[in-house]
Amino acid sequence: MTIYSKRIYDAVSETDGKRILVDRLWPRGIKKEDAKIDLWPKDVTPSNQLRKWYHEDIESRWDEFQKRYRVELSQVTVSLDELRKLTAQGPITLLTAAKNQGRNHVSVLLDVLNPKA
């Protein structure tokens, strides 16, 4: 199971495999035809309410955000299973516009999709 993550603004690579946008909103400045997106499952992204709440104070809300987002993800198991099935066919790359690669929803999603043994 190979799952990568990178910013949507980074160059498309042959090693990306299936490119999956995991942001609820379309990223600014990116044309849809240039993005090379294979899938855009909005239900695995944080809800608008959670996203807005988190962005009001990213630093102090990170721990609580992770907990709330995991609860949301627990309600979309079919979509998560579909993403896991895609990894059996080859690598996938989760794409986001988020600048902070350490503290964003993708790191939580990666952990849920590929938990450590």
Protein backbone atom coordinates (compact mmCIF):
# COMPACT_ATOMS: atom_id res chain seq x y z
CA MET A 1 0.00 0.00 0.00
CA THR A 2 1.72 3.14 -1.23
CA ILE A 3 0.11 6.45 -0.41
CA TYR A 4 1.87 9.74 -1.03
CA SER A 5 0.80 13.26 -0.24
CA LYS A 6 1.81 16.52 -1.82
CA ARG A 7 0.59 19.96 -2.65
CA ILE A 8 -1.60 20.36 -5.70
CA TYR A 9 0.78 23.12 -6.81
CA ASP A 10 3.70 20.66 -7.10
CA ALA A 11 4.47 19.24 -10.53
CA VAL A 12 2.64 16.16 -11.74
CA SER A 13 4.89 13.11 -11.62
CA GLU A 14 4.64 9.66 -13.19
CA THR A 15 5.17 8.20 -9.71
CA ASP A 16 2.00 9.88 -8.39
CA GLY A 17 -0.22 7.05 -9.53
CA LYS A 18 -3.89 7.97 -9.05
CA ARG A 19 -4.12 11.65 -8.11
CA ILE A 20 -6.82 12.31 -5.53
CA LEU A 21 -7.81 15.81 -4.44
CA VAL A 22 -8.72 15.75 -0.75
CA ASP A 23 -9.70 19.40 -0.28
CA ARG A 24 -13.34 20.39 -0.06
CA LEU A 25 -12.76 23.56 -2.09
CA TRP A 26 -11.10 23.70 -5.49
CA PRO A 27 -7.55 25.15 -5.09
CA ARG A 28 -7.01 28.71 -6.26
CA GLY A 29 -5.04 29.28 -9.42
CA ILE A 30 -5.29 25.70 -10.69
CA LYS A 31 -7.14 24.96 -13.90
CA LYS A 32 -9.12 21.73 -13.74
CA GLU A 33 -7.64 20.47 -17.00
CA ASP A 34 -4.08 21.06 -15.69
CA ALA A 35 -4.61 19.38 -12.31
CA LYS A 36 -4.69 15.82 -13.66
CA ILE A 37 -7.12 14.76 -10.92
CA ASP A 38 -8.44 11.19 -11.06
CA LEU A 39 -10.81 11.48 -8.12
CA TRP A 40 -12.26 14.19 -5.85
CA PRO A 41 -14.04 12.48 -2.93
CA LYS A 42 -15.35 15.48 -1.00
CA ASP A 43 -16.86 13.29 1.70
CA VAL A 44 -13.37 12.36 3.01
CA THR A 45 -12.50 16.03 3.49
CA PRO A 46 -13.25 17.91 6.71
CA SER A 47 -16.75 19.37 6.81
CA ASN A 48 -17.06 23.09 6.13
CA GLN A 49 -17.93 23.67 9.77
CA LEU A 50 -14.87 21.79 11.03
CA ARG A 51 -12.58 23.35 8.44
CA LYS A 52 -13.65 26.90 9.31
CA TRP A 53 -13.45 26.24 13.06
CA TYR A 54 -9.92 24.83 12.73
CA HIS A 55 -8.66 27.70 10.58
CA GLU A 56 -9.71 30.26 13.20
CA ASP A 57 -6.85 29.08 15.44
CA ILE A 58 -4.76 26.35 13.83
CA GLU A 59 -2.06 26.19 16.48
CA SER A 60 -4.23 25.71 19.55
CA ARG A 61 -6.94 23.61 17.87
CA TRP A 62 -4.77 20.96 16.19
CA ASP A 63 -5.30 18.19 18.75
CA GLU A 64 -9.07 18.70 18.92
CA PHE A 65 -9.27 19.02 15.13
CA GLN A 66 -7.69 15.59 14.72
CA LYS A 67 -10.24 14.03 17.07
CA ARG A 68 -13.21 15.68 15.36
CA TYR A 69 -11.96 14.85 11.88
CA ARG A 70 -11.48 11.19 12.83
CA VAL A 71 -15.11 11.13 13.99
CA GLU A 72 -16.18 12.53 10.61
CA LEU A 73 -14.04 9.96 8.80
CA SER A 74 -15.60 7.14 10.82
CA GLN A 75 -18.89 8.00 9.08
CA VAL A 76 -17.54 7.62 5.51
CA THR A 77 -16.13 4.11 5.64
CA VAL A 78 -17.29 3.25 2.11
CA SER A 79 -15.21 6.06 0.61
CA LEU A 80 -12.21 5.15 2.75
CA ASP A 81 -12.51 1.54 1.61
CA GLU A 82 -12.58 2.71 -2.01
CA LEU A 83 -9.35 4.65 -1.46
CA ARG A 84 -7.76 1.60 0.13
CA LYS A 85 -8.82 -0.52 -2.87
CA LEU A 86 -7.16 1.96 -5.21
CA THR A 87 -3.86 1.40 -3.42
CA ALA A 88 -4.05 -2.28 -4.34
CA GLN A 89 -3.93 -1.21 -7.99
CA GLY A 90 -0.86 1.00 -7.52
CA PRO A 91 0.27 4.12 -5.71
CA ILE A 92 -2.08 7.00 -4.96
CA THR A 93 -1.23 10.60 -4.16
CA LEU A 94 -3.45 12.68 -1.89
CA LEU A 95 -3.40 16.28 -3.07
CA THR A 96 -4.07 19.38 -1.02
CA ALA A 97 -3.55 23.12 -1.30
CA ALA A 98 -2.60 23.35 2.39
CA LYS A 99 0.74 25.02 3.00
CA ASN A 100 1.41 23.43 6.39
CA GLN A 101 2.22 19.84 5.45
CA GLY A 102 2.61 18.72 9.06
CA ARG A 103 -0.61 20.01 10.56
CA ASN A 104 -3.36 19.53 8.06
CA HIS A 105 -6.16 17.07 7.44
CA VAL A 106 -4.09 15.02 5.00
CA SER A 107 -1.77 13.81 7.77
CA VAL A 108 -4.82 12.56 9.68
CA LEU A 109 -6.30 10.98 6.56
CA LEU A 110 -3.00 9.22 5.81
CA ASP A 111 -2.95 7.80 9.33
CA VAL A 112 -6.52 6.54 9.01
CA LEU A 113 -5.88 4.95 5.60
CA ASN A 114 -2.58 3.40 6.56
CA PRO A 115 -2.46 2.91 10.35
CA LYS A 116 0.82 1.89 11.88
CA ALA A 117 0.91 -1.72 12.98
